Amino acid sequence: DDFHMIALNDFPDAMKTNLELLATRDWIDIPVSYRNGRRALLTMQKGPEGRAAFDAALKDWASTAPAAGQ
């Protein structure tokens, strides 16, 4: 019955902002919406290993992203 999804907005301005925040912040917020309407916000510090993982993912995403306008 449970559904879990993590996604980023794909509007160009939002993508630029989200990618910049993922690259420059030492933490990440994950909003959670419960079935009963309540909400929570999980904030996690990346730490050295997390920063390296995000750096590698962002580099990989940049190398596979379609060219602008496609």
Protein backbone atom coordinates (compact mmCIF):
# COMPACT_ATOMS: atom_id res chain seq x y z
CA ASP A 1 0.00 0.00 0.00
CA ASP A 2 2.92 2.37 0.55
CA PHE A 3 4.33 4.47 -2.25
CA HIS A 4 7.75 6.11 -2.17
CA MET A 5 9.08 8.53 -4.76
CA ILE A 6 11.91 11.03 -4.86
CA ALA A 7 11.94 13.37 -7.83
CA LEU A 8 13.19 16.75 -8.93
CA ASN A 9 11.19 19.25 -10.94
CA ASP A 10 12.20 19.17 -14.63
CA PHE A 11 11.40 22.78 -15.53
CA PRO A 12 14.66 24.35 -16.82
CA ASP A 13 14.94 27.05 -14.11
CA ALA A 14 14.09 24.57 -11.36
CA MET A 15 16.58 22.03 -12.74
CA LYS A 16 19.34 24.63 -12.72
CA THR A 17 18.55 25.63 -9.14
CA ASN A 18 18.19 22.03 -7.91
CA LEU A 19 21.46 20.92 -9.51
CA GLU A 20 23.27 23.93 -8.07
CA LEU A 21 21.90 23.21 -4.59
CA LEU A 22 22.82 19.51 -4.84
CA ALA A 23 26.35 20.48 -5.85
CA THR A 24 26.98 23.26 -3.32
CA ARG A 25 25.10 22.40 -0.12
CA ASP A 26 26.55 20.12 2.54
CA TRP A 27 23.07 18.80 3.32
CA ILE A 28 19.91 17.67 1.56
CA ASP A 29 16.28 18.05 2.59
CA ILE A 30 13.76 15.32 1.78
CA PRO A 31 10.12 16.37 2.22
CA VAL A 32 7.76 13.59 3.28
CA SER A 33 3.98 13.67 2.83
CA TYR A 34 1.98 11.14 4.80
CA ARG A 35 -1.30 9.58 3.71
CA ASN A 36 -3.11 11.42 6.53
CA GLY A 37 -1.94 14.80 5.15
CA ARG A 38 0.78 15.42 7.70
CA ARG A 39 4.23 16.38 6.49
CA ALA A 40 7.79 16.01 7.70
CA LEU A 41 11.18 17.20 6.52
CA LEU A 42 14.22 14.96 6.77
CA THR A 43 17.49 16.90 6.69
CA MET A 44 20.67 14.89 6.19
CA GLN A 45 24.25 16.07 6.16
CA LYS A 46 26.19 14.63 3.22
CA GLY A 47 29.56 14.17 4.91
CA PRO A 48 32.69 13.40 2.85
CA GLU A 49 31.38 10.13 1.39
CA GLY A 50 28.01 11.65 0.54
CA ARG A 51 29.63 14.68 -1.10
CA ALA A 52 31.78 12.36 -3.23
CA ALA A 53 28.69 10.34 -4.21
CA PHE A 54 26.77 13.48 -5.20
CA ASP A 55 29.77 14.84 -7.12
CA ALA A 56 30.07 11.58 -9.05
CA ALA A 57 26.32 11.44 -9.77
CA LEU A 58 26.20 15.06 -10.93
CA LYS A 59 29.20 14.49 -13.19
CA ASP A 60 27.56 11.38 -14.66
CA TRP A 61 24.23 13.17 -15.16
CA ALA A 62 25.99 16.06 -16.93
CA SER A 63 27.73 13.67 -19.32
CA THR A 64 24.47 11.92 -20.27
CA ALA A 65 22.12 14.93 -20.34
CA PRO A 66 20.58 15.77 -23.72
CA ALA A 67 21.74 18.97 -25.36
CA ALA A 68 19.64 22.08 -24.66
CA GLY A 69 16.53 22.23 -26.82
CA GLN A 70 16.24 18.46 -27.34
